[in-house]
Amino acid sequence: MTENTWALIGLWLFFTAVFAWCGLSLKIQKMSQNSEKRDNTSG
């Protein structure tokens, strides 16, 4: 493989990791918001 190929693979992995991290953080935020709403309604 050439250096360019490894660079493309590195970029692809980097962007994939960032996209996955953003998706997970959004899911966690939604879950935390839902739990907060439940606490407020029950209280």
PDB file of N, CA and C in Angstrom:
ATOM      1  N   MET A   1       0.842  -1.205   0.000  1.00  0.00           N
ATOM      2  CA  MET A   1       0.000   0.000   0.000  1.00  0.00           C
ATOM      3  C   MET A   1       0.879   1.258   0.000  1.00  0.00           C
ATOM      4  N   THR A   2       0.394   2.304  -0.605  1.00  0.00           N
ATOM      5  CA  THR A   2       1.129   3.551  -0.628  1.00  0.00           C
ATOM      6  C   THR A   2       0.761   4.405   0.587  1.00  0.00           C
ATOM      7  N   GLU A   3       1.540   5.439   0.816  1.00  0.00           N
ATOM      8  CA  GLU A   3       1.251   6.305   1.959  1.00  0.00           C
ATOM      9  C   GLU A   3      -0.111   6.971   1.797  1.00  0.00           C
ATOM     10  N   ASN A   4      -0.481   7.288   0.554  1.00  0.00           N
ATOM     11  CA  ASN A   4      -1.781   7.925   0.317  1.00  0.00           C
ATOM     12  C   ASN A   4      -2.914   7.001   0.748  1.00  0.00           C
ATOM     13  N   THR A   5      -2.768   5.710   0.482  1.00  0.00           N
ATOM     14  CA  THR A   5      -3.817   4.765   0.867  1.00  0.00           C
ATOM     15  C   THR A   5      -3.964   4.740   2.380  1.00  0.00           C
ATOM     16  N   TRP A   6      -2.855   4.687   3.091  1.00  0.00           N
ATOM     17  CA  TRP A   6      -2.922   4.674   4.556  1.00  0.00           C
ATOM     18  C   TRP A   6      -3.524   5.972   5.075  1.00  0.00           C
ATOM     19  N   ALA A   7      -3.219   7.084   4.403  1.00  0.00           N
ATOM     20  CA  ALA A   7      -3.781   8.382   4.824  1.00  0.00           C
ATOM     21  C   ALA A   7      -5.296   8.363   4.654  1.00  0.00           C
ATOM     22  N   LEU A   8      -5.768   7.818   3.524  1.00  0.00           N
ATOM     23  CA  LEU A   8      -7.225   7.752   3.306  1.00  0.00           C
ATOM     24  C   LEU A   8      -7.868   6.866   4.359  1.00  0.00           C
ATOM     25  N   ILE A   9      -7.251   5.738   4.667  1.00  0.00           N
ATOM     26  CA  ILE A   9      -7.806   4.824   5.682  1.00  0.00           C
ATOM     27  C   ILE A   9      -7.854   5.537   7.035  1.00  0.00           C
ATOM     28  N   GLY A  10      -6.817   6.270   7.364  1.00  0.00           N
ATOM     29  CA  GLY A  10      -6.779   6.998   8.633  1.00  0.00           C
ATOM     30  C   GLY A  10      -7.880   8.036   8.707  1.00  0.00           C
ATOM     31  N   LEU A  11      -8.064   8.785   7.607  1.00  0.00           N
ATOM     32  CA  LEU A  11      -9.132   9.796   7.586  1.00  0.00           C
ATOM     33  C   LEU A  11     -10.489   9.139   7.723  1.00  0.00           C
ATOM     34  N   TRP A  12     -10.698   8.024   7.006  1.00  0.00           N
ATOM     35  CA  TRP A  12     -11.994   7.338   7.053  1.00  0.00           C
ATOM     36  C   TRP A  12     -12.278   6.862   8.475  1.00  0.00           C
ATOM     37  N   LEU A  13     -11.280   6.264   9.128  1.00  0.00           N
ATOM     38  CA  LEU A  13     -11.472   5.798  10.507  1.00  0.00           C
ATOM     39  C   LEU A  13     -11.746   6.982  11.426  1.00  0.00           C
ATOM     40  N   PHE A  14     -11.037   8.091  11.209  1.00  0.00           N
ATOM     41  CA  PHE A  14     -11.212   9.262  12.057  1.00  0.00           C
ATOM     42  C   PHE A  14     -12.635   9.810  11.951  1.00  0.00           C
ATOM     43  N   PHE A  15     -13.101   9.993  10.706  1.00  0.00           N
ATOM     44  CA  PHE A  15     -14.448  10.532  10.519  1.00  0.00           C
ATOM     45  C   PHE A  15     -15.510   9.559  11.024  1.00  0.00           C
ATOM     46  N   THR A  16     -15.268   8.267  10.835  1.00  0.00           N
ATOM     47  CA  THR A  16     -16.218   7.265  11.330  1.00  0.00           C
ATOM     48  C   THR A  16     -16.301   7.339  12.855  1.00  0.00           C
ATOM     49  N   ALA A  17     -15.156   7.487  13.515  1.00  0.00           N
ATOM     50  CA  ALA A  17     -15.142   7.564  14.978  1.00  0.00           C
ATOM     51  C   ALA A  17     -15.867   8.832  15.445  1.00  0.00           C
ATOM     52  N   VAL A  18     -15.623   9.944  14.768  1.00  0.00           N
ATOM     53  CA  VAL A  18     -16.282  11.206  15.152  1.00  0.00           C
ATOM     54  C   VAL A  18     -17.796  11.083  14.976  1.00  0.00           C
ATOM     55  N   PHE A  19     -18.212  10.497  13.839  1.00  0.00           N
ATOM     56  CA  PHE A  19     -19.652  10.344  13.575  1.00  0.00           C
ATOM     57  C   PHE A  19     -20.290   9.445  14.629  1.00  0.00           C
ATOM     58  N   ALA A  20     -19.621   8.344  14.960  1.00  0.00           N
ATOM     59  CA  ALA A  20     -20.159   7.424  15.965  1.00  0.00           C
ATOM     60  C   ALA A  20     -20.221   8.127  17.329  1.00  0.00           C
ATOM     61  N   TRP A  21     -19.191   8.903  17.672  1.00  0.00           N
ATOM     62  CA  TRP A  21     -19.167   9.598  18.962  1.00  0.00           C
ATOM     63  C   TRP A  21     -20.306  10.610  19.052  1.00  0.00           C
ATOM     64  N   CYS A  22     -20.544  11.344  17.947  1.00  0.00           N
ATOM     65  CA  CYS A  22     -21.645  12.321  17.934  1.00  0.00           C
ATOM     66  C   CYS A  22     -22.978  11.601  18.117  1.00  0.00           C
ATOM     67  N   GLY A  23     -23.168  10.489  17.439  1.00  0.00           N
ATOM     68  CA  GLY A  23     -24.419   9.751  17.551  1.00  0.00           C
ATOM     69  C   GLY A  23     -24.636   9.256  18.975  1.00  0.00           C
ATOM     70  N   LEU A  24     -23.566   8.736  19.595  1.00  0.00           N
ATOM     71  CA  LEU A  24     -23.706   8.226  20.964  1.00  0.00           C
ATOM     72  C   LEU A  24     -24.012   9.365  21.926  1.00  0.00           C
ATOM     73  N   SER A  25     -23.329  10.489  21.777  1.00  0.00           N
ATOM     74  CA  SER A  25     -23.552  11.622  22.687  1.00  0.00           C
ATOM     75  C   SER A  25     -24.988  12.133  22.555  1.00  0.00           C
ATOM     76  N   LEU A  26     -25.515  12.170  21.319  1.00  0.00           N
ATOM     77  CA  LEU A  26     -26.898  12.620  21.129  1.00  0.00           C
ATOM     78  C   LEU A  26     -27.862  11.657  21.801  1.00  0.00           C
ATOM     79  N   LYS A  27     -27.620  10.354  21.669  1.00  0.00           N
ATOM     80  CA  LYS A  27     -28.493   9.372  22.299  1.00  0.00           C
ATOM     81  C   LYS A  27     -28.467   9.540  23.810  1.00  0.00           C
ATOM     82  N   ILE A  28     -27.269   9.751  24.376  1.00  0.00           N
ATOM     83  CA  ILE A  28     -27.147   9.906  25.829  1.00  0.00           C
ATOM     84  C   ILE A  28     -27.902  11.154  26.276  1.00  0.00           C
ATOM     85  N   GLN A  29     -27.793  12.248  25.501  1.00  0.00           N
ATOM     86  CA  GLN A  29     -28.499  13.479  25.867  1.00  0.00           C
ATOM     87  C   GLN A  29     -30.003  13.246  25.866  1.00  0.00           C
ATOM     88  N   LYS A  30     -30.521  12.554  24.846  1.00  0.00           N
ATOM     89  CA  LYS A  30     -31.959  12.286  24.777  1.00  0.00           C
ATOM     90  C   LYS A  30     -32.385  11.429  25.957  1.00  0.00           C
ATOM     91  N   MET A  31     -31.604  10.412  26.286  1.00  0.00           N
ATOM     92  CA  MET A  31     -31.947   9.536  27.409  1.00  0.00           C
ATOM     93  C   MET A  31     -31.965  10.331  28.708  1.00  0.00           C
ATOM     94  N   SER A  32     -30.973  11.191  28.909  1.00  0.00           N
ATOM     95  CA  SER A  32     -30.918  11.976  30.141  1.00  0.00           C
ATOM     96  C   SER A  32     -32.099  12.937  30.210  1.00  0.00           C
ATOM     97  N   GLN A  33     -32.469  13.535  29.073  1.00  0.00           N
ATOM     98  CA  GLN A  33     -33.617  14.449  29.056  1.00  0.00           C
ATOM     99  C   GLN A  33     -34.890  13.697  29.411  1.00  0.00           C
ATOM    100  N   ASN A  34     -35.068  12.493  28.863  1.00  0.00           N
ATOM    101  CA  ASN A  34     -36.266  11.701  29.153  1.00  0.00           C
ATOM    102  C   ASN A  34     -36.331  11.369  30.642  1.00  0.00           C
ATOM    103  N   SER A  35     -35.195  10.990  31.230  1.00  0.00           N
ATOM    104  CA  SER A  35     -35.188  10.634  32.649  1.00  0.00           C
ATOM    105  C   SER A  35     -35.519  11.871  33.490  1.00  0.00           C
ATOM    106  N   GLU A  36     -35.012  13.038  33.085  1.00  0.00           N
ATOM    107  CA  GLU A  36     -35.312  14.260  33.826  1.00  0.00           C
ATOM    108  C   GLU A  36     -36.804  14.575  33.762  1.00  0.00           C
ATOM    109  N   LYS A  37     -37.398  14.406  32.593  1.00  0.00           N
ATOM    110  CA  LYS A  37     -38.832  14.683  32.454  1.00  0.00           C
ATOM    111  C   LYS A  37     -39.631  13.752  33.366  1.00  0.00           C
ATOM    112  N   ARG A  38     -39.245  12.479  33.405  1.00  0.00           N
ATOM    113  CA  ARG A  38     -39.960  11.523  34.246  1.00  0.00           C
ATOM    114  C   ARG A  38     -39.860  11.941  35.708  1.00  0.00           C
ATOM    115  N   ASP A  39     -38.676  12.374  36.138  1.00  0.00           N
ATOM    116  CA  ASP A  39     -38.507  12.781  37.535  1.00  0.00           C
ATOM    117  C   ASP A  39     -39.392  13.988  37.842  1.00  0.00           C
ATOM    118  N   ASN A  40     -39.452  14.943  36.905  1.00  0.00           N
ATOM    119  CA  ASN A  40     -40.258  16.147  37.127  1.00  0.00           C
ATOM    120  C   ASN A  40     -41.744  15.796  37.215  1.00  0.00           C
ATOM    121  N   THR A  41     -42.216  14.923  36.329  1.00  0.00           N
ATOM    122  CA  THR A  41     -43.642  14.587  36.325  1.00  0.00           C
ATOM    123  C   THR A  41     -44.000  13.805  37.592  1.00  0.00           C
ATOM    124  N   SER A  42     -43.123  12.901  38.008  1.00  0.00           N
ATOM    125  CA  SER A  42     -43.423  12.094  39.203  1.00  0.00           C
ATOM    126  C   SER A  42     -43.378  12.976  40.441  1.00  0.00           C
ATOM    127  N   GLY A  43     -42.491  13.964  40.455  1.00  0.00           N
ATOM    128  CA  GLY A  43     -42.347  14.821  41.622  1.00  0.00           C
ATOM    129  C   GLY A  43     -43.459  15.803  41.690  1.00  0.00           C
TER     130      GLY A  43
END
